[in-house]
PDB file of N, CA and C in Angstrom:
ATOM      1  N   MET A   1     -36.630  18.008-114.016  1.00  0.00           N
ATOM      2  CA  MET A   1     -35.279  18.661-113.537  1.00  0.00           C
ATOM      3  C   MET A   1     -35.407  20.022-112.695  1.00  0.00           C
ATOM      4  N   SER A   2     -34.652  19.852-111.509  1.00  0.00           N
ATOM      5  CA  SER A   2     -33.908  21.571-111.013  1.00  0.00           C
ATOM      6  C   SER A   2     -32.845  22.069-111.329  1.00  0.00           C
ATOM      7  N   ASN A   3     -33.127  22.945-111.723  1.00  0.00           N
ATOM      8  CA  ASN A   3     -32.247  23.609-111.649  1.00  0.00           C
ATOM      9  C   ASN A   3     -30.977  24.426-111.029  1.00  0.00           C
ATOM     10  N   PRO A   4     -29.903  23.686-110.819  1.00  0.00           N
ATOM     11  CA  PRO A   4     -29.190  24.610-109.346  1.00  0.00           C
ATOM     12  C   PRO A   4     -29.398  26.171-109.797  1.00  0.00           C
ATOM     13  N   TYR A   5     -29.373  26.035-110.492  1.00  0.00           N
ATOM     14  CA  TYR A   5     -28.570  27.664-110.068  1.00  0.00           C
ATOM     15  C   TYR A   5     -30.152  28.916-110.555  1.00  0.00           C
ATOM     16  N   ASN A   6     -30.917  27.963-110.254  1.00  0.00           N
ATOM     17  CA  ASN A   6     -32.517  29.522-110.379  1.00  0.00           C
ATOM     18  C   ASN A   6     -32.245  29.535-108.818  1.00  0.00           C
ATOM     19  N   PRO A   7     -31.902  31.158-108.605  1.00  0.00           N
ATOM     20  CA  PRO A   7     -32.528  31.976-106.891  1.00  0.00           C
ATOM     21  C   PRO A   7     -32.998  31.344-106.461  1.00  0.00           C
ATOM     22  N   ASN A   8     -34.778  31.870-107.211  1.00  0.00           N
ATOM     23  CA  ASN A   8     -35.335  31.510-106.633  1.00  0.00           C
ATOM     24  C   ASN A   8     -35.693  30.643-106.060  1.00  0.00           C
ATOM     25  N   GLN A   9     -35.338  29.095-106.423  1.00  0.00           N
ATOM     26  CA  GLN A   9     -35.781  27.943-106.085  1.00  0.00           C
ATOM     27  C   GLN A   9     -34.961  27.246-104.990  1.00  0.00           C
ATOM     28  N   HIS A  10     -33.783  28.526-104.300  1.00  0.00           N
ATOM     29  CA  HIS A  10     -33.035  28.183-103.216  1.00  0.00           C
ATOM     30  C   HIS A  10     -33.474  28.987-102.054  1.00  0.00           C
ATOM     31  N   MET A  11     -33.596  30.146-102.123  1.00  0.00           N
ATOM     32  CA  MET A  11     -34.719  31.176-101.776  1.00  0.00           C
ATOM     33  C   MET A  11     -35.941  30.161-100.609  1.00  0.00           C
ATOM     34  N   ALA A  12     -36.837  29.288-101.188  1.00  0.00           N
ATOM     35  CA  ALA A  12     -37.663  28.675 -99.997  1.00  0.00           C
ATOM     36  C   ALA A  12     -37.124  27.991 -99.695  1.00  0.00           C
ATOM     37  N   PHE A  13     -35.904  27.393-100.099  1.00  0.00           N
ATOM     38  CA  PHE A  13     -35.245  27.025 -98.393  1.00  0.00           C
ATOM     39  C   PHE A  13     -34.788  27.702 -96.980  1.00  0.00           C
ATOM     40  N   PHE A  14     -33.998  29.115 -97.663  1.00  0.00           N
ATOM     41  CA  PHE A  14     -34.200  29.740 -96.720  1.00  0.00           C
ATOM     42  C   PHE A  14     -35.418  30.933 -95.851  1.00  0.00           C
ATOM     43  N   ASN A  15     -35.771  30.363 -96.703  1.00  0.00           N
ATOM     44  CA  ASN A  15     -38.222  30.784 -96.267  1.00  0.00           C
ATOM     45  C   ASN A  15     -39.108  30.350 -95.674  1.00  0.00           C
ATOM     46  N   GLN A  16     -38.618  28.710 -94.878  1.00  0.00           N
ATOM     47  CA  GLN A  16     -39.247  27.551 -94.858  1.00  0.00           C
ATOM     48  C   GLN A  16     -39.570  27.528 -92.707  1.00  0.00           C
ATOM     49  N   GLN A  17     -39.981  26.946 -93.030  1.00  0.00           N
ATOM     50  CA  GLN A  17     -39.896  26.623 -90.734  1.00  0.00           C
ATOM     51  C   GLN A  17     -39.213  25.681 -90.670  1.00  0.00           C
ATOM     52  N   GLN A  18     -38.930  25.774 -89.072  1.00  0.00           N
ATOM     53  CA  GLN A  18     -37.794  25.132 -88.428  1.00  0.00           C
ATOM     54  C   GLN A  18     -38.752  23.645 -88.444  1.00  0.00           C
ATOM     55  N   PRO A  19     -37.509  22.479 -88.871  1.00  0.00           N
ATOM     56  CA  PRO A  19     -39.533  20.948 -88.783  1.00  0.00           C
ATOM     57  C   PRO A  19     -39.409  20.758 -87.837  1.00  0.00           C
ATOM     58  N   ARG A  20     -40.399  19.838 -87.258  1.00  0.00           N
ATOM     59  CA  ARG A  20     -41.074  19.659 -86.655  1.00  0.00           C
ATOM     60  C   ARG A  20     -40.223  19.634 -84.860  1.00  0.00           C
ATOM     61  N   ASN A  21     -38.944  18.568 -85.354  1.00  0.00           N
ATOM     62  CA  ASN A  21     -37.851  17.784 -84.071  1.00  0.00           C
ATOM     63  C   ASN A  21     -37.712  18.972 -83.488  1.00  0.00           C
ATOM     64  N   PHE A  22     -37.166  19.893 -84.119  1.00  0.00           N
ATOM     65  CA  PHE A  22     -36.423  21.226 -83.536  1.00  0.00           C
ATOM     66  C   PHE A  22     -36.755  21.079 -82.985  1.00  0.00           C
ATOM     67  N   GLN A  23     -37.808  22.088 -82.312  1.00  0.00           N
ATOM     68  CA  GLN A  23     -38.985  22.660 -81.174  1.00  0.00           C
ATOM     69  C   GLN A  23     -39.207  20.917 -80.082  1.00  0.00           C
ATOM     70  N   GLN A  24     -38.329  20.260 -80.338  1.00  0.00           N
ATOM     71  CA  GLN A  24     -37.929  18.626 -79.552  1.00  0.00           C
ATOM     72  C   GLN A  24     -36.939  19.736 -78.440  1.00  0.00           C
ATOM     73  N   GLN A  25     -35.519  19.945 -78.880  1.00  0.00           N
ATOM     74  CA  GLN A  25     -34.726  19.705 -78.369  1.00  0.00           C
ATOM     75  C   GLN A  25     -35.043  20.258 -77.074  1.00  0.00           C
ATOM     76  N   PRO A  26     -34.352  20.297 -76.155  1.00  0.00           N
ATOM     77  CA  PRO A  26     -34.782  20.921 -75.164  1.00  0.00           C
ATOM     78  C   PRO A  26     -33.194  21.964 -73.883  1.00  0.00           C
ATOM     79  N   ASN A  27     -32.688  22.392 -75.189  1.00  0.00           N
ATOM     80  CA  ASN A  27     -31.541  23.646 -74.843  1.00  0.00           C
ATOM     81  C   ASN A  27     -32.108  24.982 -75.991  1.00  0.00           C
ATOM     82  N   MET A  28     -32.484  25.703 -75.232  1.00  0.00           N
ATOM     83  CA  MET A  28     -33.602  26.649 -75.898  1.00  0.00           C
ATOM     84  C   MET A  28     -32.294  28.155 -75.860  1.00  0.00           C
ATOM     85  N   GLY A  29     -31.973  27.258 -75.668  1.00  0.00           N
ATOM     86  CA  GLY A  29     -29.676  28.407 -75.660  1.00  0.00           C
ATOM     87  C   GLY A  29     -29.892  28.277 -77.529  1.00  0.00           C
ATOM     88  N   GLN A  30     -30.136  27.456 -77.771  1.00  0.00           N
ATOM     89  CA  GLN A  30     -29.413  26.756 -79.078  1.00  0.00           C
ATOM     90  C   GLN A  30     -30.136  27.961 -79.775  1.00  0.00           C
ATOM     91  N   HIS A  31     -31.633  27.507 -79.365  1.00  0.00           N
ATOM     92  CA  HIS A  31     -32.979  27.809 -80.396  1.00  0.00           C
ATOM     93  C   HIS A  31     -32.120  29.336 -80.581  1.00  0.00           C
ATOM     94  N   SER A  32     -32.035  29.735 -79.382  1.00  0.00           N
ATOM     95  CA  SER A  32     -32.494  31.874 -79.648  1.00  0.00           C
ATOM     96  C   SER A  32     -31.307  31.601 -80.462  1.00  0.00           C
ATOM     97  N   MET A  33     -29.687  31.205 -80.650  1.00  0.00           N
ATOM     98  CA  MET A  33     -28.604  31.567 -80.591  1.00  0.00           C
ATOM     99  C   MET A  33     -28.451  31.490 -82.727  1.00  0.00           C
ATOM    100  N   GLU A  34     -29.359  30.567 -82.820  1.00  0.00           N
ATOM    101  CA  GLU A  34     -29.738  29.974 -84.215  1.00  0.00           C
ATOM    102  C   GLU A  34     -30.513  30.699 -84.784  1.00  0.00           C
ATOM    103  N   GLN A  35     -31.468  31.841 -83.856  1.00  0.00           N
ATOM    104  CA  GLN A  35     -32.108  32.635 -84.839  1.00  0.00           C
ATOM    105  C   GLN A  35     -31.767  33.760 -84.446  1.00  0.00           C
ATOM    106  N   GLN A  36     -30.332  33.859 -83.886  1.00  0.00           N
ATOM    107  CA  GLN A  36     -29.884  34.893 -83.920  1.00  0.00           C
ATOM    108  C   GLN A  36     -28.869  34.871 -85.012  1.00  0.00           C
ATOM    109  N   VAL A  37     -28.365  34.311 -85.649  1.00  0.00           N
ATOM    110  CA  VAL A  37     -27.651  33.331 -86.668  1.00  0.00           C
ATOM    111  C   VAL A  37     -27.872  33.696 -87.165  1.00  0.00           C
ATOM    112  N   LEU A  38     -29.063  33.345 -88.077  1.00  0.00           N
ATOM    113  CA  LEU A  38     -29.595  33.328 -89.088  1.00  0.00           C
ATOM    114  C   LEU A  38     -30.334  34.543 -89.174  1.00  0.00           C
ATOM    115  N   SER A  39     -30.950  35.269 -88.455  1.00  0.00           N
ATOM    116  CA  SER A  39     -31.732  36.735 -88.412  1.00  0.00           C
ATOM    117  C   SER A  39     -30.390  38.058 -88.840  1.00  0.00           C
ATOM    118  N   ALA A  40     -29.544  37.600 -88.558  1.00  0.00           N
ATOM    119  CA  ALA A  40     -28.156  38.292 -88.872  1.00  0.00           C
ATOM    120  C   ALA A  40     -27.710  38.432 -90.147  1.00  0.00           C
ATOM    121  N   MET A  41     -27.626  36.444 -91.282  1.00  0.00           N
ATOM    122  CA  MET A  41     -27.650  36.482 -91.643  1.00  0.00           C
ATOM    123  C   MET A  41     -28.139  36.885 -93.376  1.00  0.00           C
ATOM    124  N   SER A  42     -29.370  36.438 -93.019  1.00  0.00           N
ATOM    125  CA  SER A  42     -30.941  37.097 -93.407  1.00  0.00           C
ATOM    126  C   SER A  42     -30.223  38.442 -94.620  1.00  0.00           C
ATOM    127  N   PRO A  43     -29.772  39.695 -94.175  1.00  0.00           N
ATOM    128  CA  PRO A  43     -29.467  40.115 -95.510  1.00  0.00           C
ATOM    129  C   PRO A  43     -28.074  40.759 -96.409  1.00  0.00           C
ATOM    130  N   VAL A  44     -27.485  39.404 -95.782  1.00  0.00           N
ATOM    131  CA  VAL A  44     -26.515  39.002 -96.366  1.00  0.00           C
ATOM    132  C   VAL A  44     -26.728  37.890 -97.877  1.00  0.00           C
ATOM    133  N   ILE A  45     -27.758  36.706 -97.240  1.00  0.00           N
ATOM    134  CA  ILE A  45     -28.114  35.886 -98.249  1.00  0.00           C
ATOM    135  C   ILE A  45     -29.308  36.443 -99.080  1.00  0.00           C
ATOM    136  N   ASN A  46     -29.864  37.491 -98.765  1.00  0.00           N
ATOM    137  CA  ASN A  46     -30.881  38.016 -99.429  1.00  0.00           C
ATOM    138  C   ASN A  46     -29.616  38.424-100.576  1.00  0.00           C
ATOM    139  N   HIS A  47     -28.734  39.359-100.818  1.00  0.00           N
ATOM    140  CA  HIS A  47     -28.319  39.558-101.155  1.00  0.00           C
ATOM    141  C   HIS A  47     -27.000  39.054-102.185  1.00  0.00           C
ATOM    142  N   GLY A  48     -26.359  37.895-101.678  1.00  0.00           N
ATOM    143  CA  GLY A  48     -26.472  37.257-102.337  1.00  0.00           C
ATOM    144  C   GLY A  48     -26.329  36.151-103.577  1.00  0.00           C
ATOM    145  N   MET A  49     -27.978  36.319-103.002  1.00  0.00           N
ATOM    146  CA  MET A  49     -29.000  35.674-104.318  1.00  0.00           C
ATOM    147  C   MET A  49     -29.462  36.852-105.370  1.00  0.00           C
ATOM    148  N   ARG A  50     -29.591  38.177-105.039  1.00  0.00           N
ATOM    149  CA  ARG A  50     -29.848  39.038-105.893  1.00  0.00           C
ATOM    150  C   ARG A  50     -28.315  38.909-106.761  1.00  0.00           C
ATOM    151  N   GLU A  51     -27.964  39.329-106.387  1.00  0.00           N
ATOM    152  CA  GLU A  51     -25.940  38.782-106.931  1.00  0.00           C
ATOM    153  C   GLU A  51     -26.332  38.036-108.025  1.00  0.00           C
ATOM    154  N   ALA A  52     -26.438  36.273-107.745  1.00  0.00           N
ATOM    155  CA  ALA A  52     -26.401  35.951-108.270  1.00  0.00           C
ATOM    156  C   ALA A  52     -27.461  35.224-109.840  1.00  0.00           C
ATOM    157  N   GLN A  53     -28.431  36.524-109.866  1.00  0.00           N
ATOM    158  CA  GLN A  53     -29.299  36.552-110.628  1.00  0.00           C
ATOM    159  C   GLN A  53     -28.234  37.368-112.155  1.00  0.00           C
ATOM    160  N   HIS A  54     -27.980  38.273-111.743  1.00  0.00           N
ATOM    161  CA  HIS A  54     -27.301  39.009-112.220  1.00  0.00           C
ATOM    162  C   HIS A  54     -25.188  38.708-112.607  1.00  0.00           C
ATOM    163  N   LEU A  55     -24.322  38.114-111.437  1.00  0.00           N
ATOM    164  CA  LEU A  55     -23.523  38.382-111.894  1.00  0.00           C
ATOM    165  C   LEU A  55     -22.601  36.738-111.908  1.00  0.00           C
ATOM    166  N   GLY A  56     -23.674  35.935-111.082  1.00  0.00           N
ATOM    167  CA  GLY A  56     -23.022  34.535-111.035  1.00  0.00           C
ATOM    168  C   GLY A  56     -23.452  34.387-109.648  1.00  0.00           C
ATOM    169  N   TYR A  57     -22.559  33.001-109.640  1.00  0.00           N
ATOM    170  CA  TYR A  57     -22.717  32.203-108.358  1.00  0.00           C
ATOM    171  C   TYR A  57     -21.119  32.388-107.584  1.00  0.00           C
ATOM    172  N   PRO A  58     -20.659  32.415-108.561  1.00  0.00           N
ATOM    173  CA  PRO A  58     -18.847  32.239-108.136  1.00  0.00           C
ATOM    174  C   PRO A  58     -18.554  33.237-107.374  1.00  0.00           C
ATOM    175  N   HIS A  59     -19.603  34.507-108.253  1.00  0.00           N
ATOM    176  CA  HIS A  59     -18.715  35.637-107.708  1.00  0.00           C
ATOM    177  C   HIS A  59     -20.045  36.708-106.800  1.00  0.00           C
ATOM    178  N   ALA A  60     -21.211  35.892-106.690  1.00  0.00           N
ATOM    179  CA  ALA A  60     -22.242  36.034-105.296  1.00  0.00           C
ATOM    180  C   ALA A  60     -21.837  35.238-104.437  1.00  0.00           C
ATOM    181  N   LEU A  61     -21.378  34.338-104.555  1.00  0.00           N
ATOM    182  CA  LEU A  61     -20.475  33.805-102.945  1.00  0.00           C
ATOM    183  C   LEU A  61     -19.236  33.970-102.403  1.00  0.00           C
ATOM    184  N   ARG A  62     -18.374  34.356-103.100  1.00  0.00           N
ATOM    185  CA  ARG A  62     -17.207  34.961-102.935  1.00  0.00           C
ATOM    186  C   ARG A  62     -17.739  36.572-102.362  1.00  0.00           C
ATOM    187  N   GLU A  63     -18.991  37.078-102.834  1.00  0.00           N
ATOM    188  CA  GLU A  63     -18.957  38.345-101.213  1.00  0.00           C
ATOM    189  C   GLU A  63     -19.785  38.374-101.082  1.00  0.00           C
ATOM    190  N   ALA A  64     -21.265  37.156-101.118  1.00  0.00           N
ATOM    191  CA  ALA A  64     -22.037  36.709 -99.160  1.00  0.00           C
ATOM    192  C   ALA A  64     -20.635  36.674 -98.286  1.00  0.00           C
ATOM    193  N   ILE A  65     -20.304  35.829 -98.357  1.00  0.00           N
ATOM    194  CA  ILE A  65     -18.977  34.876 -97.803  1.00  0.00           C
ATOM    195  C   ILE A  65     -17.830  36.630 -97.172  1.00  0.00           C
ATOM    196  N   ALA A  66     -17.125  37.236 -97.748  1.00  0.00           N
ATOM    197  CA  ALA A  66     -16.450  38.196 -97.756  1.00  0.00           C
ATOM    198  C   ALA A  66     -16.986  39.209 -96.936  1.00  0.00           C
ATOM    199  N   ILE A  67     -18.967  39.032 -96.909  1.00  0.00           N
ATOM    200  CA  ILE A  67     -19.286  40.427 -96.374  1.00  0.00           C
ATOM    201  C   ILE A  67     -19.738  39.632 -95.230  1.00  0.00           C
ATOM    202  N   ALA A  68     -20.408  38.139 -94.770  1.00  0.00           N
ATOM    203  CA  ALA A  68     -20.038  37.587 -94.225  1.00  0.00           C
ATOM    204  C   ALA A  68     -18.840  37.838 -93.153  1.00  0.00           C
ATOM    205  N   TYR A  69     -17.766  37.696 -93.504  1.00  0.00           N
ATOM    206  CA  TYR A  69     -16.527  37.552 -92.699  1.00  0.00           C
ATOM    207  C   TYR A  69     -16.205  38.921 -91.411  1.00  0.00           C
ATOM    208  N   LEU A  70     -16.579  40.014 -92.249  1.00  0.00           N
ATOM    209  CA  LEU A  70     -16.382  41.122 -92.194  1.00  0.00           C
ATOM    210  C   LEU A  70     -17.952  41.222 -90.884  1.00  0.00           C
ATOM    211  N   MET A  71     -18.415  40.991 -90.887  1.00  0.00           N
ATOM    212  CA  MET A  71     -19.456  41.359 -89.713  1.00  0.00           C
ATOM    213  C   MET A  71     -19.221  40.878 -88.940  1.00  0.00           C
ATOM    214  N   GLY A  72     -18.675  39.110 -89.114  1.00  0.00           N
ATOM    215  CA  GLY A  72     -18.616  38.802 -88.472  1.00  0.00           C
ATOM    216  C   GLY A  72     -17.059  39.078 -87.049  1.00  0.00           C
ATOM    217  N   GLN A  73     -16.201  39.728 -87.609  1.00  0.00           N
ATOM    218  CA  GLN A  73     -15.478  40.672 -87.165  1.00  0.00           C
ATOM    219  C   GLN A  73     -15.870  41.481 -87.124  1.00  0.00           C
ATOM    220  N   GLY A  74     -17.029  42.343 -86.548  1.00  0.00           N
ATOM    221  CA  GLY A  74     -18.250  43.194 -85.722  1.00  0.00           C
ATOM    222  C   GLY A  74     -18.049  44.749 -86.789  1.00  0.00           C
ATOM    223  N   GLN A  75     -18.519  44.241 -88.228  1.00  0.00           N
ATOM    224  CA  GLN A  75     -18.753  45.698 -89.237  1.00  0.00           C
ATOM    225  C   GLN A  75     -20.117  45.244 -89.389  1.00  0.00           C
ATOM    226  N   ASP A  76     -21.042  46.120 -89.403  1.00  0.00           N
ATOM    227  CA  ASP A  76     -22.769  45.833 -89.708  1.00  0.00           C
ATOM    228  C   ASP A  76     -22.845  45.739 -91.261  1.00  0.00           C
ATOM    229  N   PHE A  77     -24.131  44.654 -91.190  1.00  0.00           N
ATOM    230  CA  PHE A  77     -24.115  44.661 -92.789  1.00  0.00           C
ATOM    231  C   PHE A  77     -24.093  45.769 -94.205  1.00  0.00           C
ATOM    232  N   HIS A  78     -24.159  46.550 -93.479  1.00  0.00           N
ATOM    233  CA  HIS A  78     -23.554  47.880 -94.393  1.00  0.00           C
ATOM    234  C   HIS A  78     -22.321  48.554 -94.998  1.00  0.00           C
ATOM    235  N   SER A  79     -22.493  48.566 -93.435  1.00  0.00           N
ATOM    236  CA  SER A  79     -20.206  48.946 -93.749  1.00  0.00           C
ATOM    237  C   SER A  79     -19.563  47.790 -94.495  1.00  0.00           C
ATOM    238  N   ALA A  80     -20.116  46.604 -93.850  1.00  0.00           N
ATOM    239  CA  ALA A  80     -18.800  44.808 -94.756  1.00  0.00           C
ATOM    240  C   ALA A  80     -19.330  45.387 -96.393  1.00  0.00           C
ATOM    241  N   TRP A  81     -20.661  45.944 -96.825  1.00  0.00           N
ATOM    242  CA  TRP A  81     -21.292  45.583 -97.805  1.00  0.00           C
ATOM    243  C   TRP A  81     -20.310  46.569 -98.871  1.00  0.00           C
ATOM    244  N   GLN A  82     -20.979  47.712 -98.072  1.00  0.00           N
ATOM    245  CA  GLN A  82     -19.300  48.834 -98.764  1.00  0.00           C
ATOM    246  C   GLN A  82     -18.360  48.235 -99.149  1.00  0.00           C
ATOM    247  N   MET A  83     -17.479  47.571 -98.189  1.00  0.00           N
ATOM    248  CA  MET A  83     -15.964  47.351 -98.570  1.00  0.00           C
ATOM    249  C   MET A  83     -15.962  46.971 -99.593  1.00  0.00           C
ATOM    250  N   VAL A  84     -16.529  45.201 -99.204  1.00  0.00           N
ATOM    251  CA  VAL A  84     -17.203  44.614-100.364  1.00  0.00           C
ATOM    252  C   VAL A  84     -17.074  44.503-101.838  1.00  0.00           C
ATOM    253  N   GLU A  85     -18.047  46.064-101.948  1.00  0.00           N
ATOM    254  CA  GLU A  85     -18.564  45.913-103.329  1.00  0.00           C
ATOM    255  C   GLU A  85     -17.492  46.708-103.586  1.00  0.00           C
ATOM    256  N   SER A  86     -17.031  47.459-102.824  1.00  0.00           N
ATOM    257  CA  SER A  86     -15.391  48.776-103.305  1.00  0.00           C
ATOM    258  C   SER A  86     -14.661  47.608-103.778  1.00  0.00           C
ATOM    259  N   TRP A  87     -13.946  46.906-103.508  1.00  0.00           N
ATOM    260  CA  TRP A  87     -13.201  46.176-103.747  1.00  0.00           C
ATOM    261  C   TRP A  87     -13.447  44.985-106.045  1.00  0.00           C
ATOM    262  N   TRP A  88     -14.636  45.787-106.376  1.00  0.00           N
ATOM    263  CA  TRP A  88     -14.997  45.531-107.677  1.00  0.00           C
ATOM    264  C   TRP A  88     -15.092  46.297-108.308  1.00  0.00           C
ATOM    265  N   ARG A  89     -15.043  47.795-107.453  1.00  0.00           N
ATOM    266  CA  ARG A  89     -14.883  48.572-108.132  1.00  0.00           C
ATOM    267  C   ARG A  89     -14.152  48.884-109.271  1.00  0.00           C
ATOM    268  N   PRO A  90     -14.144  50.014-110.117  1.00  0.00           N
ATOM    269  CA  PRO A  90     -12.383  49.984-110.804  1.00  0.00           C
ATOM    270  C   PRO A  90     -11.912  50.476-110.451  1.00  0.00           C
ATOM    271  N   GLN A  91      -9.986  50.390-110.417  1.00  0.00           N
ATOM    272  CA  GLN A  91      -9.829  51.274-109.070  1.00  0.00           C
ATOM    273  C   GLN A  91      -9.143  52.750-110.187  1.00  0.00           C
ATOM    274  N   THR A  92      -8.705  53.639-109.269  1.00  0.00           N
ATOM    275  CA  THR A  92      -7.553  54.657-110.821  1.00  0.00           C
ATOM    276  C   THR A  92      -5.971  54.214-110.548  1.00  0.00           C
ATOM    277  N   LEU A  93      -5.753  55.121-111.176  1.00  0.00           N
ATOM    278  CA  LEU A  93      -4.536  55.021-111.926  1.00  0.00           C
ATOM    279  C   LEU A  93      -3.655  54.886-110.268  1.00  0.00           C
ATOM    280  N   GLN A  94      -3.770  55.821-109.373  1.00  0.00           N
ATOM    281  CA  GLN A  94      -2.902  56.555-108.002  1.00  0.00           C
ATOM    282  C   GLN A  94      -3.290  54.376-107.367  1.00  0.00           C
ATOM    283  N   GLN A  95      -4.546  54.000-107.677  1.00  0.00           N
ATOM    284  CA  GLN A  95      -4.567  52.632-107.130  1.00  0.00           C
ATOM    285  C   GLN A  95      -4.932  51.595-107.747  1.00  0.00           C
ATOM    286  N   PRO A  96      -3.463  50.754-108.351  1.00  0.00           N
ATOM    287  CA  PRO A  96      -3.267  50.277-109.498  1.00  0.00           C
ATOM    288  C   PRO A  96      -4.363  49.193-109.194  1.00  0.00           C
ATOM    289  N   GLY A  97      -4.499  48.329-109.576  1.00  0.00           N
ATOM    290  CA  GLY A  97      -5.306  46.714-110.444  1.00  0.00           C
ATOM    291  C   GLY A  97      -6.423  46.369-109.640  1.00  0.00           C
ATOM    292  N   THR A  98      -7.332  44.914-109.793  1.00  0.00           N
ATOM    293  CA  THR A  98      -9.009  45.216-109.032  1.00  0.00           C
ATOM    294  C   THR A  98      -8.327  43.944-109.792  1.00  0.00           C
ATOM    295  N   PHE A  99     -10.212  44.016-109.434  1.00  0.00           N
ATOM    296  CA  PHE A  99     -10.554  42.418-109.425  1.00  0.00           C
ATOM    297  C   PHE A  99     -11.439  41.688-110.108  1.00  0.00           C
ATOM    298  N   TYR A 100     -12.109  42.773-111.034  1.00  0.00           N
ATOM    299  CA  TYR A 100     -12.344  42.199-112.785  1.00  0.00           C
ATOM    300  C   TYR A 100     -12.132  41.123-113.345  1.00  0.00           C
TER     301      TYR A 100
END
């Protein structure tokens, strides 16, 4: 029986090649868009899978989705990652509240 919380098991899904019937589709623009989106999201997915090993899937998904959202708003991965990571860092007394 497979473990749904094993991150290595899920990484294989993202590393698979495209199904054979995908290449038979006439709209090559869709293929280009798919490759562009999957390529842009690769660092987000890799980050989420690493986070899941240490902090669990709920936290990792929140981070990955937040990063992807910010990237959709025009930020690059590194800037989006830094912003999201800052949300989980301990806050100073001048900035009360934290997401821990």
